[in-house]
């Protein structure tokens, strides 16, 4: 699993570019491991993450009201928008 440890608004893709993520997924899959990617992932990241063939995507903040992963409420509208981008 790759996730951002510090929750300061920076996203997974701020730390690693597409090639680095591809390499991580490929190497993990070569060891028959499942791959989870998370870290301020949002609906616009879905096409990239789908193309990377990761197995799990962590999306807590992007499906909560106001993007608030701690105090927000899970929104069915935001879940639908996320699904529409997959």
N, C-alpha and C. Protein backbone atom coordinates (compact mmCIF):
# COMPACT_ATOMS: atom_id res chain seq x y z
N UNK A 1 0.84 -1.18 0.00
CA UNK A 1 0.00 0.00 0.00
C UNK A 1 0.88 1.24 0.00
N UNK A 2 0.47 2.19 -0.80
CA UNK A 2 1.08 3.53 -0.79
C UNK A 2 0.02 4.50 -0.34
N UNK A 3 0.38 5.33 0.62
CA UNK A 3 -0.52 6.36 1.12
C UNK A 3 0.36 7.53 1.57
N UNK A 4 -0.25 8.67 1.71
CA UNK A 4 0.48 9.82 2.25
C UNK A 4 0.37 9.77 3.76
N UNK A 5 1.50 9.82 4.42
CA UNK A 5 1.52 9.74 5.88
C UNK A 5 1.05 11.06 6.50
N UNK A 6 1.58 12.15 6.00
CA UNK A 6 1.20 13.46 6.50
C UNK A 6 -0.03 13.93 5.74
N UNK A 7 -1.06 14.27 6.45
CA UNK A 7 -2.33 14.70 5.84
C UNK A 7 -2.38 16.22 5.81
N UNK A 8 -1.62 16.80 4.86
CA UNK A 8 -1.51 18.26 4.77
C UNK A 8 -2.07 18.82 3.47
N UNK A 9 -2.85 18.00 2.76
CA UNK A 9 -3.44 18.46 1.51
C UNK A 9 -2.68 18.03 0.27
N UNK A 10 -1.42 17.63 0.45
CA UNK A 10 -0.69 17.12 -0.70
C UNK A 10 -1.19 15.72 -1.02
N UNK A 11 -1.14 15.38 -2.29
CA UNK A 11 -1.74 14.14 -2.78
C UNK A 11 -0.67 13.14 -3.17
N UNK A 12 -1.07 11.91 -3.30
CA UNK A 12 -0.16 10.85 -3.73
C UNK A 12 0.58 11.26 -5.00
N UNK A 13 -0.14 11.85 -5.93
CA UNK A 13 0.45 12.25 -7.21
C UNK A 13 1.35 13.48 -7.10
N UNK A 14 1.36 14.12 -5.94
CA UNK A 14 2.34 15.19 -5.70
C UNK A 14 3.70 14.61 -5.34
N UNK A 15 3.69 13.39 -4.85
CA UNK A 15 4.92 12.72 -4.43
C UNK A 15 5.49 11.80 -5.50
N UNK A 16 4.61 11.13 -6.23
CA UNK A 16 5.05 10.16 -7.23
C UNK A 16 4.36 10.43 -8.55
N UNK A 17 5.13 10.36 -9.64
CA UNK A 17 4.52 10.57 -10.95
C UNK A 17 4.00 9.24 -11.50
N UNK A 18 3.40 9.29 -12.65
CA UNK A 18 2.78 8.11 -13.25
C UNK A 18 3.77 6.96 -13.40
N UNK A 19 4.97 7.25 -13.88
CA UNK A 19 5.98 6.20 -14.10
C UNK A 19 6.36 5.53 -12.78
N UNK A 20 6.55 6.32 -11.75
CA UNK A 20 6.90 5.74 -10.45
C UNK A 20 5.76 4.87 -9.91
N UNK A 21 4.54 5.32 -10.07
CA UNK A 21 3.39 4.52 -9.63
C UNK A 21 3.27 3.24 -10.45
N UNK A 22 3.49 3.34 -11.77
CA UNK A 22 3.45 2.15 -12.62
C UNK A 22 4.49 1.13 -12.16
N UNK A 23 5.69 1.60 -11.87
CA UNK A 23 6.76 0.71 -11.42
C UNK A 23 6.40 0.02 -10.11
N UNK A 24 5.82 0.78 -9.18
CA UNK A 24 5.43 0.20 -7.89
C UNK A 24 4.38 -0.89 -8.10
N UNK A 25 3.35 -0.58 -8.89
CA UNK A 25 2.27 -1.55 -9.12
C UNK A 25 2.82 -2.79 -9.83
N UNK A 26 3.63 -2.60 -10.83
CA UNK A 26 4.19 -3.73 -11.58
C UNK A 26 5.05 -4.62 -10.69
N UNK A 27 5.93 -4.02 -9.92
CA UNK A 27 6.81 -4.81 -9.05
C UNK A 27 6.00 -5.58 -8.00
N UNK A 28 5.02 -4.92 -7.41
CA UNK A 28 4.18 -5.60 -6.42
C UNK A 28 3.41 -6.76 -7.05
N UNK A 29 2.85 -6.54 -8.23
CA UNK A 29 2.12 -7.60 -8.92
C UNK A 29 3.05 -8.75 -9.31
N UNK A 30 4.31 -8.44 -9.62
CA UNK A 30 5.27 -9.50 -9.94
C UNK A 30 5.50 -10.43 -8.74
N UNK A 31 5.26 -9.92 -7.53
CA UNK A 31 5.36 -10.73 -6.32
C UNK A 31 4.00 -11.28 -5.89
N UNK A 32 3.03 -11.18 -6.80
CA UNK A 32 1.65 -11.63 -6.54
C UNK A 32 1.02 -10.92 -5.34
N UNK A 33 1.36 -9.66 -5.17
CA UNK A 33 0.78 -8.84 -4.11
C UNK A 33 -0.34 -7.98 -4.68
N UNK A 34 -1.32 -7.70 -3.86
CA UNK A 34 -2.37 -6.73 -4.20
C UNK A 34 -1.80 -5.34 -3.93
N UNK A 35 -2.27 -4.36 -4.70
CA UNK A 35 -1.77 -3.00 -4.56
C UNK A 35 -2.92 -2.06 -4.19
N UNK A 36 -2.72 -1.31 -3.12
CA UNK A 36 -3.66 -0.28 -2.70
C UNK A 36 -2.97 1.07 -2.81
N UNK A 37 -3.66 2.03 -3.41
CA UNK A 37 -3.13 3.38 -3.54
C UNK A 37 -4.11 4.35 -2.88
N UNK A 38 -3.58 5.27 -2.10
CA UNK A 38 -4.41 6.24 -1.40
C UNK A 38 -3.59 7.50 -1.15
N UNK A 39 -4.23 8.51 -0.64
CA UNK A 39 -3.53 9.75 -0.31
C UNK A 39 -4.14 10.93 -1.01
N UNK A 40 -5.26 11.40 -0.46
CA UNK A 40 -6.00 12.53 -1.06
C UNK A 40 -6.37 12.25 -2.51
N UNK A 41 -6.70 11.01 -2.77
CA UNK A 41 -7.16 10.62 -4.10
C UNK A 41 -8.53 11.26 -4.34
N UNK A 42 -8.76 11.75 -5.56
CA UNK A 42 -10.07 12.32 -5.88
C UNK A 42 -10.60 11.73 -7.18
N UNK A 43 -11.79 12.15 -7.56
CA UNK A 43 -12.45 11.55 -8.73
C UNK A 43 -11.63 11.74 -10.01
N UNK A 44 -10.87 12.81 -10.11
CA UNK A 44 -10.07 13.04 -11.31
C UNK A 44 -8.89 12.08 -11.41
N UNK A 45 -8.53 11.42 -10.31
CA UNK A 45 -7.44 10.44 -10.31
C UNK A 45 -7.89 9.07 -10.80
N UNK A 46 -9.18 8.83 -10.86
CA UNK A 46 -9.68 7.49 -11.16
C UNK A 46 -9.19 6.94 -12.51
N UNK A 47 -9.22 7.72 -13.59
CA UNK A 47 -8.71 7.16 -14.85
C UNK A 47 -7.25 6.71 -14.75
N UNK A 48 -6.41 7.51 -14.11
CA UNK A 48 -5.00 7.14 -13.94
C UNK A 48 -4.88 5.87 -13.13
N UNK A 49 -5.55 5.81 -11.98
CA UNK A 49 -5.42 4.65 -11.11
C UNK A 49 -5.99 3.40 -11.77
N UNK A 50 -7.04 3.56 -12.53
CA UNK A 50 -7.59 2.41 -13.27
C UNK A 50 -6.57 1.91 -14.30
N UNK A 51 -5.94 2.83 -15.00
CA UNK A 51 -4.94 2.44 -16.01
C UNK A 51 -3.70 1.81 -15.37
N UNK A 52 -3.43 2.14 -14.12
CA UNK A 52 -2.30 1.54 -13.42
C UNK A 52 -2.59 0.12 -12.97
N UNK A 53 -3.86 -0.27 -13.02
CA UNK A 53 -4.30 -1.61 -12.61
C UNK A 53 -4.04 -1.89 -11.13
N UNK A 54 -4.17 -0.85 -10.30
CA UNK A 54 -4.08 -1.12 -8.87
C UNK A 54 -5.34 -1.88 -8.45
N UNK A 55 -5.25 -2.57 -7.34
CA UNK A 55 -6.35 -3.44 -6.91
C UNK A 55 -7.33 -2.73 -5.98
N UNK A 56 -6.85 -1.77 -5.24
CA UNK A 56 -7.67 -1.07 -4.25
C UNK A 56 -7.31 0.41 -4.30
N UNK A 57 -8.32 1.27 -4.17
CA UNK A 57 -8.10 2.71 -4.11
C UNK A 57 -8.74 3.23 -2.83
N UNK A 58 -7.96 3.94 -2.02
CA UNK A 58 -8.49 4.55 -0.80
C UNK A 58 -9.05 5.92 -1.12
N UNK A 59 -10.32 6.15 -0.76
CA UNK A 59 -11.00 7.38 -1.19
C UNK A 59 -11.73 8.12 -0.07
N UNK A 60 -11.36 7.94 1.13
CA UNK A 60 -12.15 8.48 2.25
C UNK A 60 -12.53 9.95 2.09
N UNK A 61 -11.56 10.82 1.96
CA UNK A 61 -11.85 12.25 1.93
C UNK A 61 -12.69 12.69 0.75
N UNK A 62 -12.48 12.10 -0.40
CA UNK A 62 -13.18 12.59 -1.59
C UNK A 62 -14.65 12.18 -1.64
N UNK A 63 -15.09 11.33 -0.74
CA UNK A 63 -16.52 10.98 -0.71
C UNK A 63 -17.20 11.55 0.53
N UNK A 64 -16.49 12.40 1.27
CA UNK A 64 -17.06 13.04 2.46
C UNK A 64 -17.41 14.50 2.15
N UNK A 65 -18.45 14.98 2.79
CA UNK A 65 -18.85 16.37 2.60
C UNK A 65 -17.68 17.30 2.93
N UNK A 66 -17.54 18.31 2.09
CA UNK A 66 -16.47 19.31 2.22
C UNK A 66 -15.07 18.69 2.18
N UNK A 67 -14.96 17.44 1.69
CA UNK A 67 -13.66 16.79 1.62
C UNK A 67 -13.05 16.55 2.99
N UNK A 68 -13.86 16.62 4.03
CA UNK A 68 -13.39 16.50 5.40
C UNK A 68 -13.42 15.04 5.85
N UNK A 69 -12.28 14.40 5.84
CA UNK A 69 -12.18 12.98 6.16
C UNK A 69 -12.41 12.67 7.63
N UNK A 70 -12.33 13.67 8.48
CA UNK A 70 -12.51 13.46 9.92
C UNK A 70 -13.92 13.79 10.41
N UNK A 71 -14.48 14.89 9.92
CA UNK A 71 -15.78 15.34 10.42
C UNK A 71 -16.87 15.34 9.36
N UNK A 72 -16.50 15.08 8.11
CA UNK A 72 -17.49 15.09 7.04
C UNK A 72 -18.39 13.87 7.09
N UNK A 73 -19.47 13.96 6.34
CA UNK A 73 -20.43 12.87 6.22
C UNK A 73 -20.29 12.27 4.83
N UNK A 74 -20.30 10.95 4.75
CA UNK A 74 -20.21 10.28 3.45
C UNK A 74 -21.41 10.69 2.60
N UNK A 75 -21.14 11.09 1.38
CA UNK A 75 -22.15 11.62 0.48
C UNK A 75 -22.42 10.65 -0.67
N UNK A 76 -23.67 10.24 -0.82
CA UNK A 76 -24.02 9.34 -1.93
C UNK A 76 -23.79 10.03 -3.28
N UNK A 77 -23.98 11.35 -3.34
CA UNK A 77 -23.73 12.10 -4.57
C UNK A 77 -22.25 12.02 -4.95
N UNK A 78 -21.37 12.21 -3.97
CA UNK A 78 -19.94 12.15 -4.24
C UNK A 78 -19.50 10.74 -4.61
N UNK A 79 -20.11 9.75 -4.01
CA UNK A 79 -19.81 8.35 -4.37
C UNK A 79 -20.22 8.11 -5.81
N UNK A 80 -21.38 8.60 -6.21
CA UNK A 80 -21.84 8.42 -7.60
C UNK A 80 -20.89 9.11 -8.57
N UNK A 81 -20.46 10.33 -8.25
CA UNK A 81 -19.52 11.05 -9.12
C UNK A 81 -18.22 10.27 -9.26
N UNK A 82 -17.77 9.70 -8.17
CA UNK A 82 -16.55 8.88 -8.20
C UNK A 82 -16.75 7.67 -9.09
N UNK A 83 -17.85 6.98 -8.92
CA UNK A 83 -18.15 5.81 -9.75
C UNK A 83 -18.22 6.17 -11.22
N UNK A 84 -18.78 7.33 -11.53
CA UNK A 84 -18.90 7.76 -12.92
C UNK A 84 -17.54 7.98 -13.57
N UNK A 85 -16.52 8.24 -12.78
CA UNK A 85 -15.17 8.47 -13.32
C UNK A 85 -14.33 7.21 -13.40
N UNK A 86 -14.90 6.09 -12.98
CA UNK A 86 -14.15 4.83 -13.04
C UNK A 86 -14.43 4.14 -14.36
